[in-house]
Amino acid sequence: MRIAIIGQQAFGKSVLEAFLARGDEVAGVFCAPEKPGARPDPLRLAAEERGLRLFQLPNLKSPAAEGALRALDVDLAVMAYVLQFAPQAFVNIPKHGTIQYHPSLLPKYRGPSSINWPVIKGETETGLTIFRPTDGLDEGPVILQKRVAIGPDDTLGTVYFDHLFPLGVEAMLEAADLVVAGRHTETVQDEDEASYEGWCRDAEARINWNAHLDFVHDLIRGCDPAPGAWTTVGGQKLRLFESRKHPVRRFGDVAGKPGTIAAVGEETLSIAVQGGTIEIGRVRTEAGQKLSAATFARSHGLAVGDRLESEAEKNLAAAAG
């Protein structure tokens, strides 16, 4: 089949390579322009290395974008990790229209951080959807879905890189074949089951040490590796990774007040919360230094009973946004 790839970053690159590897003709590649100082887009580099026609347009709503796609005369457009809005006047141009990848089981978790939120909310299952893009965000009819289990210690990173990424590439190929052959179905999303969540960024990733063990653990793993759930130490942000939870069974086992250090191990740091302790394996400082949690604690003179975030630090962090 003759296709156009619309996307960016590593996922877009892998989708491009998968279609090329099986002999499909990629007539052109659309990817967003890189911001000044940003790392080169892997999809853009891959397209240039293979001598493919490349379009880096500021948006996909312009006559230039429509004209470029129309001139390619493709059977299908494939949207692989696209942050630019693509209007119906654009996506309907190919002979068989356009298909798009989304990393959740639509209609649940529409929105830009759809991998983070199921983990943060303690879900035991997520998945991916290939659907028809419409002018509504992630609201188009569903063509194909794949389900993925979320384990109790899975993180954003393991769910995406071990499952949703490779399965997504395969699903794009499968859906493209079904659509071009006319053997696909399109199921309208059930609005009664729909949910929308916005970005998971710093404001959402801040740890409340008075929250329950389950909530703190799920927040940390749902933000691992990005944006990184955080607290403050000495007025500086500290991002926490590699969380393990240890529930307490008896009052006598309570290790301290929420937010206080319960233990400093060889590599890990344990923090008391409601219902147990959270064991942290790795941290990243505000300066970007990555090190074991125990190494950080020792280098900053933190000991059992110390509180990670004082009221003064809370106020300082809140004022800093």
C-alpha atoms as a PDB file:
ATOM      1  CA  MET A   1       0.000   0.000   0.000  1.00  0.00           C
ATOM      2  CA  ARG A   2       1.007   3.608  -0.489  1.00  0.00           C
ATOM      3  CA  ILE A   3       0.836   5.577   2.764  1.00  0.00           C
ATOM      4  CA  ALA A   4       1.734   8.836   4.477  1.00  0.00           C
ATOM      5  CA  ILE A   5       3.118   8.800   8.027  1.00  0.00           C
ATOM      6  CA  ILE A   6       2.116  11.639  10.347  1.00  0.00           C
ATOM      7  CA  GLY A   7       3.817  11.694  13.736  1.00  0.00           C
ATOM      8  CA  GLN A   8       6.969  12.324  15.699  1.00  0.00           C
ATOM      9  CA  GLN A   9       9.514  10.922  18.120  1.00  0.00           C
ATOM     10  CA  ALA A  10      10.537   7.276  18.641  1.00  0.00           C
ATOM     11  CA  PHE A  11       7.072   5.810  18.154  1.00  0.00           C
ATOM     12  CA  GLY A  12       6.628   7.572  14.822  1.00  0.00           C
ATOM     13  CA  LYS A  13      10.063   6.345  13.737  1.00  0.00           C
ATOM     14  CA  SER A  14       9.238   2.739  14.667  1.00  0.00           C
ATOM     15  CA  VAL A  15       5.921   2.866  12.797  1.00  0.00           C
ATOM     16  CA  LEU A  16       7.714   4.233   9.727  1.00  0.00           C
ATOM     17  CA  GLU A  17      10.342   1.487   9.896  1.00  0.00           C
ATOM     18  CA  ALA A  18       7.714  -1.237  10.350  1.00  0.00           C
ATOM     19  CA  PHE A  19       5.820  -0.244   7.198  1.00  0.00           C
ATOM     20  CA  LEU A  20       9.022   0.053   5.194  1.00  0.00           C
ATOM     21  CA  ALA A  21      10.326  -3.294   6.474  1.00  0.00           C
ATOM     22  CA  ARG A  22       7.386  -5.180   5.037  1.00  0.00           C
ATOM     23  CA  GLY A  23       7.556  -3.414   1.677  1.00  0.00           C
ATOM     24  CA  ASP A  24       4.914  -0.711   1.883  1.00  0.00           C
ATOM     25  CA  GLU A  25       5.539   2.522   0.014  1.00  0.00           C
ATOM     26  CA  VAL A  26       5.847   5.581   2.246  1.00  0.00           C
ATOM     27  CA  ALA A  27       5.095   8.491  -0.062  1.00  0.00           C
ATOM     28  CA  GLY A  28       5.740  11.179   2.542  1.00  0.00           C
ATOM     29  CA  VAL A  29       6.283  11.930   6.207  1.00  0.00           C
ATOM     30  CA  PHE A  30       4.723  14.785   8.195  1.00  0.00           C
ATOM     31  CA  CYS A  31       6.225  15.785  11.533  1.00  0.00           C
ATOM     32  CA  ALA A  32       6.049  18.910  13.651  1.00  0.00           C
ATOM     33  CA  PRO A  33       8.962  21.375  13.494  1.00  0.00           C
ATOM     34  CA  GLU A  34      11.403  20.996  16.384  1.00  0.00           C
ATOM     35  CA  LYS A  35      11.482  23.796  18.913  1.00  0.00           C
ATOM     36  CA  PRO A  36      14.758  25.775  19.158  1.00  0.00           C
ATOM     37  CA  GLY A  37      17.281  23.847  21.241  1.00  0.00           C
ATOM     38  CA  ALA A  38      15.218  20.634  21.240  1.00  0.00           C
ATOM     39  CA  ARG A  39      16.719  17.263  20.422  1.00  0.00           C
ATOM     40  CA  PRO A  40      16.370  16.190  16.790  1.00  0.00           C
ATOM     41  CA  ASP A  41      13.104  14.371  16.119  1.00  0.00           C
ATOM     42  CA  PRO A  42      13.873  10.652  15.494  1.00  0.00           C
ATOM     43  CA  LEU A  43      11.100  10.429  12.903  1.00  0.00           C
ATOM     44  CA  ARG A  44      12.460  13.409  10.999  1.00  0.00           C
ATOM     45  CA  LEU A  45      15.984  11.936  11.034  1.00  0.00           C
ATOM     46  CA  ALA A  46      14.721   8.530   9.865  1.00  0.00           C
ATOM     47  CA  ALA A  47      12.790  10.091   6.978  1.00  0.00           C
ATOM     48  CA  GLU A  48      15.824  12.110   5.872  1.00  0.00           C
ATOM     49  CA  GLU A  49      18.139   9.098   6.098  1.00  0.00           C
ATOM     50  CA  ARG A  50      15.849   7.169   3.770  1.00  0.00           C
ATOM     51  CA  GLY A  51      15.401  10.032   1.334  1.00  0.00           C
ATOM     52  CA  LEU A  52      11.652  10.280   1.917  1.00  0.00           C
ATOM     53  CA  ARG A  53       9.614  13.392   1.216  1.00  0.00           C
ATOM     54  CA  LEU A  54       9.441  15.311   4.471  1.00  0.00           C
ATOM     55  CA  PHE A  55       6.979  17.997   5.524  1.00  0.00           C
ATOM     56  CA  GLN A  56       7.572  19.973   8.731  1.00  0.00           C
ATOM     57  CA  LEU A  57       4.608  22.308   8.818  1.00  0.00           C
ATOM     58  CA  PRO A  58       3.658  24.568  11.741  1.00  0.00           C
ATOM     59  CA  ASN A  59       0.138  23.096  11.644  1.00  0.00           C
ATOM     60  CA  LEU A  60      -1.997  20.678   9.664  1.00  0.00           C
ATOM     61  CA  LYS A  61      -4.927  23.076   9.242  1.00  0.00           C
ATOM     62  CA  SER A  62      -3.387  25.123   6.437  1.00  0.00           C
ATOM     63  CA  PRO A  63      -3.958  24.877   2.689  1.00  0.00           C
ATOM     64  CA  ALA A  64      -0.259  23.966   2.461  1.00  0.00           C
ATOM     65  CA  ALA A  65      -0.823  20.836   4.567  1.00  0.00           C
ATOM     66  CA  GLU A  66      -3.887  19.809   2.585  1.00  0.00           C
ATOM     67  CA  GLY A  67      -2.110  20.410  -0.710  1.00  0.00           C
ATOM     68  CA  ALA A  68       0.932  18.394   0.363  1.00  0.00           C
ATOM     69  CA  LEU A  69      -1.126  15.366   1.413  1.00  0.00           C
ATOM     70  CA  ARG A  70      -3.355  15.538  -1.652  1.00  0.00           C
ATOM     71  CA  ALA A  71      -0.328  15.622  -3.968  1.00  0.00           C
ATOM     72  CA  LEU A  72       1.042  12.417  -2.407  1.00  0.00           C
ATOM     73  CA  ASP A  73      -2.034  10.471  -3.620  1.00  0.00           C
ATOM     74  CA  VAL A  74      -1.859   7.869  -0.838  1.00  0.00           C
ATOM     75  CA  ASP A  75      -4.160   4.999   0.023  1.00  0.00           C
ATOM     76  CA  LEU A  76      -4.022   5.728   3.742  1.00  0.00           C
ATOM     77  CA  ALA A  77      -2.594   8.220   6.241  1.00  0.00           C
ATOM     78  CA  VAL A  78      -1.215   6.797   9.496  1.00  0.00           C
ATOM     79  CA  MET A  79      -1.070   9.050  12.563  1.00  0.00           C
ATOM     80  CA  ALA A  80       1.569   7.813  15.009  1.00  0.00           C
ATOM     81  CA  TYR A  81       1.946   9.986  18.126  1.00  0.00           C
ATOM     82  CA  VAL A  82       0.590  13.268  16.776  1.00  0.00           C
ATOM     83  CA  LEU A  83       0.256  16.380  18.936  1.00  0.00           C
ATOM     84  CA  GLN A  84      -0.820  18.666  16.111  1.00  0.00           C
ATOM     85  CA  PHE A  85      -4.560  19.018  15.420  1.00  0.00           C
ATOM     86  CA  ALA A  86      -5.548  17.401  12.119  1.00  0.00           C
ATOM     87  CA  PRO A  87      -8.919  18.645  10.790  1.00  0.00           C
ATOM     88  CA  GLN A  88     -11.356  16.547   8.779  1.00  0.00           C
ATOM     89  CA  ALA A  89     -10.417  18.439   5.622  1.00  0.00           C
ATOM     90  CA  PHE A  90      -6.935  16.940   6.040  1.00  0.00           C
ATOM     91  CA  VAL A  91      -7.576  13.414   7.357  1.00  0.00           C
ATOM     92  CA  ASN A  92     -10.252  12.620   4.761  1.00  0.00           C
ATOM     93  CA  ILE A  93      -7.944  13.249   1.790  1.00  0.00           C
ATOM     94  CA  PRO A  94      -6.429   9.730   1.389  1.00  0.00           C
ATOM     95  CA  LYS A  95      -8.427   7.140  -0.522  1.00  0.00           C
ATOM     96  CA  HIS A  96      -9.101   5.145   2.657  1.00  0.00           C
ATOM     97  CA  GLY A  97      -8.894   8.059   5.066  1.00  0.00           C
ATOM     98  CA  THR A  98      -6.695   8.147   8.165  1.00  0.00           C
ATOM     99  CA  ILE A  99      -6.098   5.942  11.213  1.00  0.00           C
ATOM    100  CA  GLN A 100      -4.672   7.112  14.546  1.00  0.00           C
ATOM    101  CA  TYR A 101      -3.008   5.473  17.551  1.00  0.00           C
ATOM    102  CA  HIS A 102      -4.027   6.291  21.123  1.00  0.00           C
ATOM    103  CA  PRO A 103      -2.534   4.588  24.228  1.00  0.00           C
ATOM    104  CA  SER A 104      -5.700   3.821  26.193  1.00  0.00           C
ATOM    105  CA  LEU A 105      -8.855   1.765  25.831  1.00  0.00           C
ATOM    106  CA  LEU A 106     -11.063   4.477  24.378  1.00  0.00           C
ATOM    107  CA  PRO A 107     -13.428   5.957  25.307  1.00  0.00           C
ATOM    108  CA  LYS A 108     -11.684   5.840  28.715  1.00  0.00           C
ATOM    109  CA  TYR A 109      -8.744   8.169  29.271  1.00  0.00           C
ATOM    110  CA  ARG A 110      -9.065  10.495  26.345  1.00  0.00           C
ATOM    111  CA  GLY A 111      -6.402  13.178  26.532  1.00  0.00           C
ATOM    112  CA  PRO A 112      -2.652  13.776  26.400  1.00  0.00           C
ATOM    113  CA  SER A 113      -1.500  11.803  29.489  1.00  0.00           C
ATOM    114  CA  SER A 114      -3.561   8.685  28.919  1.00  0.00           C
ATOM    115  CA  ILE A 115      -0.757   6.337  29.998  1.00  0.00           C
ATOM    116  CA  ASN A 116      -0.051   8.082  33.305  1.00  0.00           C
ATOM    117  CA  TRP A 117      -3.591   8.286  34.648  1.00  0.00           C
ATOM    118  CA  PRO A 118      -4.594   4.590  34.644  1.00  0.00           C
ATOM    119  CA  VAL A 119      -1.437   3.782  36.633  1.00  0.00           C
ATOM    120  CA  ILE A 120      -1.936   6.739  38.998  1.00  0.00           C
ATOM    121  CA  LYS A 121      -5.536   5.663  39.606  1.00  0.00           C
ATOM    122  CA  GLY A 122      -4.517   2.084  40.402  1.00  0.00           C
ATOM    123  CA  GLU A 123      -6.122   0.467  37.349  1.00  0.00           C
ATOM    124  CA  THR A 124      -5.167  -3.166  36.669  1.00  0.00           C
ATOM    125  CA  GLU A 125      -5.701  -2.902  32.910  1.00  0.00           C
ATOM    126  CA  THR A 126      -5.130  -0.441  30.095  1.00  0.00           C
ATOM    127  CA  GLY A 127      -4.531  -0.818  26.380  1.00  0.00           C
ATOM    128  CA  LEU A 128      -4.373   0.905  23.044  1.00  0.00           C
ATOM    129  CA  THR A 129      -6.849   1.943  20.401  1.00  0.00           C
ATOM    130  CA  ILE A 130      -6.591   2.493  16.665  1.00  0.00           C
ATOM    131  CA  PHE A 131      -9.397   4.818  15.634  1.00  0.00           C
ATOM    132  CA  ARG A 132     -10.599   7.288  13.041  1.00  0.00           C
ATOM    133  CA  PRO A 133      -9.568  10.837  13.992  1.00  0.00           C
ATOM    134  CA  THR A 134     -12.361  13.403  14.183  1.00  0.00           C
ATOM    135  CA  ASP A 135     -12.444  17.040  15.225  1.00  0.00           C
ATOM    136  CA  GLY A 136     -13.127  15.902  18.799  1.00  0.00           C
ATOM    137  CA  LEU A 137     -10.051  14.889  20.820  1.00  0.00           C
ATOM    138  CA  ASP A 138      -9.770  11.066  20.763  1.00  0.00           C
ATOM    139  CA  GLU A 139     -13.495  10.782  20.046  1.00  0.00           C
ATOM    140  CA  GLY A 140     -13.597   8.997  16.675  1.00  0.00           C
ATOM    141  CA  PRO A 141     -14.929   5.497  15.930  1.00  0.00           C
ATOM    142  CA  VAL A 142     -12.792   2.564  17.073  1.00  0.00           C
ATOM    143  CA  ILE A 143     -11.226   0.187  14.553  1.00  0.00           C
ATOM    144  CA  LEU A 144      -9.013  -1.986  16.739  1.00  0.00           C
ATOM    145  CA  GLN A 145      -8.048  -2.381  20.400  1.00  0.00           C
ATOM    146  CA  LYS A 146      -5.430  -4.321  22.353  1.00  0.00           C
ATOM    147  CA  ARG A 147      -5.556  -4.891  26.120  1.00  0.00           C
ATOM    148  CA  VAL A 148      -2.576  -4.718  28.501  1.00  0.00           C
ATOM    149  CA  ALA A 149      -2.432  -5.744  32.159  1.00  0.00           C
ATOM    150  CA  ILE A 150      -0.970  -3.305  34.690  1.00  0.00           C
ATOM    151  CA  GLY A 151       0.950  -5.107  37.435  1.00  0.00           C
ATOM    152  CA  PRO A 152       1.131  -3.766  41.017  1.00  0.00           C
ATOM    153  CA  ASP A 153       4.670  -2.464  40.486  1.00  0.00           C
ATOM    154  CA  ASP A 154       4.412  -1.470  36.822  1.00  0.00           C
ATOM    155  CA  THR A 155       5.363   2.091  35.996  1.00  0.00           C
ATOM    156  CA  LEU A 156       4.506   4.480  33.208  1.00  0.00           C
ATOM    157  CA  GLY A 157       7.769   3.374  31.605  1.00  0.00           C
ATOM    158  CA  THR A 158       7.195  -0.380  31.780  1.00  0.00           C
ATOM    159  CA  VAL A 159       3.576  -0.130  30.611  1.00  0.00           C
ATOM    160  CA  TYR A 160       4.553   1.984  27.611  1.00  0.00           C
ATOM    161  CA  PHE A 161       7.942   0.678  26.514  1.00  0.00           C
ATOM    162  CA  ASP A 162       7.313  -3.016  27.276  1.00  0.00           C
ATOM    163  CA  HIS A 163       3.725  -3.164  26.022  1.00  0.00           C
ATOM    164  CA  LEU A 164       1.905  -0.180  24.520  1.00  0.00           C
ATOM    165  CA  PHE A 165       4.797   0.850  22.264  1.00  0.00           C
ATOM    166  CA  PRO A 166       5.543  -2.506  20.558  1.00  0.00           C
ATOM    167  CA  LEU A 167       1.891  -3.579  20.508  1.00  0.00           C
ATOM    168  CA  GLY A 168       0.992  -0.191  19.055  1.00  0.00           C
ATOM    169  CA  VAL A 169       3.368  -0.600  16.128  1.00  0.00           C
ATOM    170  CA  GLU A 170       1.915  -4.026  15.379  1.00  0.00           C
ATOM    171  CA  ALA A 171      -1.639  -2.724  15.725  1.00  0.00           C
ATOM    172  CA  MET A 172      -0.976   0.068  13.224  1.00  0.00           C
ATOM    173  CA  LEU A 173       0.066  -2.487  10.622  1.00  0.00           C
ATOM    174  CA  GLU A 174      -2.919  -4.722  11.397  1.00  0.00           C
ATOM    175  CA  ALA A 175      -5.422  -1.862  11.258  1.00  0.00           C
ATOM    176  CA  ALA A 176      -3.954  -0.473   8.036  1.00  0.00           C
ATOM    177  CA  ASP A 177      -4.364  -3.856   6.348  1.00  0.00           C
ATOM    178  CA  LEU A 178      -7.960  -4.169   7.533  1.00  0.00           C
ATOM    179  CA  VAL A 179      -8.909  -0.670   6.370  1.00  0.00           C
ATOM    180  CA  VAL A 180      -7.298  -0.851   2.940  1.00  0.00           C
ATOM    181  CA  ALA A 181      -8.824  -4.294   2.355  1.00  0.00           C
ATOM    182  CA  GLY A 182     -12.249  -3.036   3.436  1.00  0.00           C
ATOM    183  CA  ARG A 183     -12.485  -5.691   6.164  1.00  0.00           C
ATOM    184  CA  HIS A 184     -12.518  -3.377   9.191  1.00  0.00           C
ATOM    185  CA  THR A 185     -15.349  -2.308  11.454  1.00  0.00           C
ATOM    186  CA  GLU A 186     -15.895   1.115  13.003  1.00  0.00           C
ATOM    187  CA  THR A 187     -17.527   1.193  16.425  1.00  0.00           C
ATOM    188  CA  VAL A 188     -18.860   4.492  17.736  1.00  0.00           C
ATOM    189  CA  GLN A 189     -17.491   5.270  21.198  1.00  0.00           C
ATOM    190  CA  ASP A 190     -19.931   4.957  24.092  1.00  0.00           C
ATOM    191  CA  GLU A 191     -20.110   8.427  25.651  1.00  0.00           C
ATOM    192  CA  ASP A 192     -21.519   6.996  28.884  1.00  0.00           C
ATOM    193  CA  GLU A 193     -18.178   5.200  29.383  1.00  0.00           C
ATOM    194  CA  ALA A 194     -15.993   8.116  28.287  1.00  0.00           C
ATOM    195  CA  SER A 195     -13.533  10.067  30.411  1.00  0.00           C
ATOM    196  CA  TYR A 196     -11.124  12.886  29.686  1.00  0.00           C
ATOM    197  CA  GLU A 197      -8.010  13.707  31.689  1.00  0.00           C
ATOM    198  CA  GLY A 198      -5.610  16.552  30.914  1.00  0.00           C
ATOM    199  CA  TRP A 199      -1.842  16.667  31.239  1.00  0.00           C
ATOM    200  CA  CYS A 200      -0.009  14.998  34.116  1.00  0.00           C
ATOM    201  CA  ARG A 201       2.634  17.604  34.890  1.00  0.00           C
ATOM    202  CA  ASP A 202       4.381  19.023  37.938  1.00  0.00           C
ATOM    203  CA  ALA A 203       1.240  20.296  39.644  1.00  0.00           C
ATOM    204  CA  GLU A 204      -0.357  16.849  39.413  1.00  0.00           C
ATOM    205  CA  ALA A 205       2.867  14.981  40.292  1.00  0.00           C
ATOM    206  CA  ARG A 206       3.430  16.529  43.721  1.00  0.00           C
ATOM    207  CA  ILE A 207       3.338  13.967  46.539  1.00  0.00           C
ATOM    208  CA  ASN A 208       0.959  14.424  49.468  1.00  0.00           C
ATOM    209  CA  TRP A 209       2.643  12.495  52.274  1.00  0.00           C
ATOM    210  CA  ASN A 210      -0.639  12.401  54.199  1.00  0.00           C
ATOM    211  CA  ALA A 211      -2.279  10.367  51.441  1.00  0.00           C
ATOM    212  CA  HIS A 212      -2.716   6.613  51.769  1.00  0.00           C
ATOM    213  CA  LEU A 213       0.080   4.179  50.908  1.00  0.00           C
ATOM    214  CA  ASP A 214      -1.728   3.005  47.768  1.00  0.00           C
ATOM    215  CA  PHE A 215      -2.235   6.539  46.438  1.00  0.00           C
ATOM    216  CA  VAL A 216       1.383   7.576  47.024  1.00  0.00           C
ATOM    217  CA  HIS A 217       2.762   4.400  45.438  1.00  0.00           C
ATOM    218  CA  ASP A 218       0.472   4.678  42.413  1.00  0.00           C
ATOM    219  CA  LEU A 219       1.353   8.346  41.899  1.00  0.00           C
ATOM    220  CA  ILE A 220       5.091   7.669  41.984  1.00  0.00           C
ATOM    221  CA  ARG A 221       4.939   4.762  39.544  1.00  0.00           C
ATOM    222  CA  GLY A 222       2.453   6.584  37.291  1.00  0.00           C
ATOM    223  CA  CYS A 223       4.964   9.444  36.974  1.00  0.00           C
ATOM    224  CA  ASP A 224       8.019   7.201  36.504  1.00  0.00           C
ATOM    225  CA  PRO A 225       9.987   8.207  34.447  1.00  0.00           C
ATOM    226  CA  ALA A 226       8.085  11.402  33.560  1.00  0.00           C
ATOM    227  CA  PRO A 227       7.309  13.895  34.883  1.00  0.00           C
ATOM    228  CA  GLY A 228       8.631  12.348  38.100  1.00  0.00           C
ATOM    229  CA  ALA A 229       6.594  12.515  41.312  1.00  0.00           C
ATOM    230  CA  TRP A 230       8.244  14.990  43.653  1.00  0.00           C
ATOM    231  CA  THR A 231       8.632  16.321  47.152  1.00  0.00           C
ATOM    232  CA  THR A 232      10.974  18.929  48.591  1.00  0.00           C
ATOM    233  CA  VAL A 233      14.132  18.581  50.671  1.00  0.00           C
ATOM    234  CA  GLY A 234      15.786  21.733  51.893  1.00  0.00           C
ATOM    235  CA  GLY A 235      13.456  23.765  49.706  1.00  0.00           C
ATOM    236  CA  GLN A 236      14.587  21.942  46.543  1.00  0.00           C
ATOM    237  CA  LYS A 237      12.513  19.585  44.418  1.00  0.00           C
ATOM    238  CA  LEU A 238      13.424  15.912  44.646  1.00  0.00           C
ATOM    239  CA  ARG A 239      11.852  13.446  42.194  1.00  0.00           C
ATOM    240  CA  LEU A 240      11.300   9.880  43.360  1.00  0.00           C
ATOM    241  CA  PHE A 241      11.425   6.668  41.323  1.00  0.00           C
ATOM    242  CA  GLU A 242      11.370   2.865  41.721  1.00  0.00           C
ATOM    243  CA  SER A 243       8.652   2.773  44.365  1.00  0.00           C
ATOM    244  CA  ARG A 244       7.762  -0.300  46.413  1.00  0.00           C
ATOM    245  CA  LYS A 245       5.004  -0.296  49.025  1.00  0.00           C
ATOM    246  CA  HIS A 246       5.060  -2.087  52.371  1.00  0.00           C
ATOM    247  CA  PRO A 247       1.724  -2.112  54.235  1.00  0.00           C
ATOM    248  CA  VAL A 248       1.595  -2.277  58.036  1.00  0.00           C
ATOM    249  CA  ARG A 249      -0.642  -4.811  59.777  1.00  0.00           C
ATOM    250  CA  ARG A 250      -0.561  -3.587  63.384  1.00  0.00           C
ATOM    251  CA  PHE A 251      -0.408  -0.251  65.192  1.00  0.00           C
ATOM    252  CA  GLY A 252       2.907  -1.287  66.706  1.00  0.00           C
ATOM    253  CA  ASP A 253       4.414  -1.560  63.208  1.00  0.00           C
ATOM    254  CA  VAL A 254       3.782   2.097  62.303  1.00  0.00           C
ATOM    255  CA  ALA A 255       7.191   3.548  61.430  1.00  0.00           C
ATOM    256  CA  GLY A 256       6.488   7.227  62.083  1.00  0.00           C
ATOM    257  CA  LYS A 257       4.385  10.191  61.098  1.00  0.00           C
ATOM    258  CA  PRO A 258       3.549  10.560  57.391  1.00  0.00           C
ATOM    259  CA  GLY A 259       6.435  12.019  55.427  1.00  0.00           C
ATOM    260  CA  THR A 260       9.156  11.018  57.894  1.00  0.00           C
ATOM    261  CA  ILE A 261      12.081   8.762  57.046  1.00  0.00           C
ATOM    262  CA  ALA A 262      11.479   5.243  58.362  1.00  0.00           C
ATOM    263  CA  ALA A 263      14.743   3.608  57.213  1.00  0.00           C
ATOM    264  CA  VAL A 264      17.876   4.250  55.181  1.00  0.00           C
ATOM    265  CA  GLY A 265      19.103   1.064  53.512  1.00  0.00           C
ATOM    266  CA  GLU A 266      22.131   0.317  51.383  1.00  0.00           C
ATOM    267  CA  GLU A 267      20.455   1.606  48.214  1.00  0.00           C
ATOM    268  CA  THR A 268      16.912   2.587  49.186  1.00  0.00           C
ATOM    269  CA  LEU A 269      15.080   5.044  51.389  1.00  0.00           C
ATOM    270  CA  SER A 270      11.816   4.212  53.188  1.00  0.00           C
ATOM    271  CA  ILE A 271       9.256   6.887  54.059  1.00  0.00           C
ATOM    272  CA  ALA A 272       6.285   6.522  56.385  1.00  0.00           C
ATOM    273  CA  VAL A 273       2.807   7.184  54.991  1.00  0.00           C
ATOM    274  CA  GLN A 274      -0.737   6.346  56.005  1.00  0.00           C
ATOM    275  CA  GLY A 275      -1.017   2.549  55.915  1.00  0.00           C
ATOM    276  CA  GLY A 276       2.661   1.645  55.652  1.00  0.00           C
ATOM    277  CA  THR A 277       5.956   2.725  54.153  1.00  0.00           C
ATOM    278  CA  ILE A 278       7.092   3.621  50.661  1.00  0.00           C
ATOM    279  CA  GLU A 279      10.532   2.329  49.662  1.00  0.00           C
ATOM    280  CA  ILE A 280      12.274   4.479  47.038  1.00  0.00           C
ATOM    281  CA  GLY A 281      15.117   3.152  44.885  1.00  0.00           C
ATOM    282  CA  ARG A 282      16.237   6.160  42.842  1.00  0.00           C
ATOM    283  CA  VAL A 283      15.939   9.942  42.975  1.00  0.00           C
ATOM    284  CA  ARG A 284      16.686  12.899  40.714  1.00  0.00           C
ATOM    285  CA  THR A 285      17.679  16.231  42.153  1.00  0.00           C
ATOM    286  CA  GLU A 286      16.540  19.620  40.930  1.00  0.00           C
ATOM    287  CA  ALA A 287      19.945  19.957  39.254  1.00  0.00           C
ATOM    288  CA  GLY A 288      19.281  16.755  37.284  1.00  0.00           C
ATOM    289  CA  GLN A 289      21.615  14.456  39.229  1.00  0.00           C
ATOM    290  CA  LYS A 290      20.404  10.828  39.324  1.00  0.00           C
ATOM    291  CA  LEU A 291      21.486   8.620  42.224  1.00  0.00           C
ATOM    292  CA  SER A 292      20.264   5.979  44.617  1.00  0.00           C
ATOM    293  CA  ALA A 293      17.851   7.204  47.259  1.00  0.00           C
ATOM    294  CA  ALA A 294      20.122   6.037  50.086  1.00  0.00           C
ATOM    295  CA  THR A 295      23.139   7.829  48.610  1.00  0.00           C
ATOM    296  CA  PHE A 296      21.111  11.033  48.420  1.00  0.00           C
ATOM    297  CA  ALA A 297      19.927  10.649  52.024  1.00  0.00           C
ATOM    298  CA  ARG A 298      23.430  10.092  53.361  1.00  0.00           C
ATOM    299  CA  SER A 299      24.936  12.931  51.322  1.00  0.00           C
ATOM    300  CA  HIS A 300      22.313  15.317  52.737  1.00  0.00           C
ATOM    301  CA  GLY A 301      22.562  14.108  56.307  1.00  0.00           C
ATOM    302  CA  LEU A 302      19.043  12.666  56.356  1.00  0.00           C
ATOM    303  CA  ALA A 303      18.329  10.148  59.105  1.00  0.00           C
ATOM    304  CA  VAL A 304      15.451   8.107  60.512  1.00  0.00           C
ATOM    305  CA  GLY A 305      12.806  10.422  61.923  1.00  0.00           C
ATOM    306  CA  ASP A 306      13.628  13.373  59.657  1.00  0.00           C
ATOM    307  CA  ARG A 307      10.721  14.839  57.733  1.00  0.00           C
ATOM    308  CA  LEU A 308      11.137  15.140  53.974  1.00  0.00           C
ATOM    309  CA  GLU A 309       8.950  18.196  53.582  1.00  0.00           C
ATOM    310  CA  SER A 310       8.394  20.737  56.324  1.00  0.00           C
ATOM    311  CA  GLU A 311       5.505  23.181  56.432  1.00  0.00           C
ATOM    312  CA  ALA A 312       7.904  25.983  55.513  1.00  0.00           C
ATOM    313  CA  GLU A 313       9.065  24.019  52.472  1.00  0.00           C
ATOM    314  CA  LYS A 314       5.479  23.361  51.452  1.00  0.00           C
ATOM    315  CA  ASN A 315       4.799  27.072  51.487  1.00  0.00           C
ATOM    316  CA  LEU A 316       8.000  27.773  49.546  1.00  0.00           C
ATOM    317  CA  ALA A 317       7.173  25.177  46.912  1.00  0.00           C
ATOM    318  CA  ALA A 318       3.602  26.457  46.602  1.00  0.00           C
ATOM    319  CA  ALA A 319       4.836  30.004  46.088  1.00  0.00           C
ATOM    320  CA  ALA A 320       7.241  28.775  43.406  1.00  0.00           C
ATOM    321  CA  GLY A 321       4.357  27.112  41.563  1.00  0.00           C
END
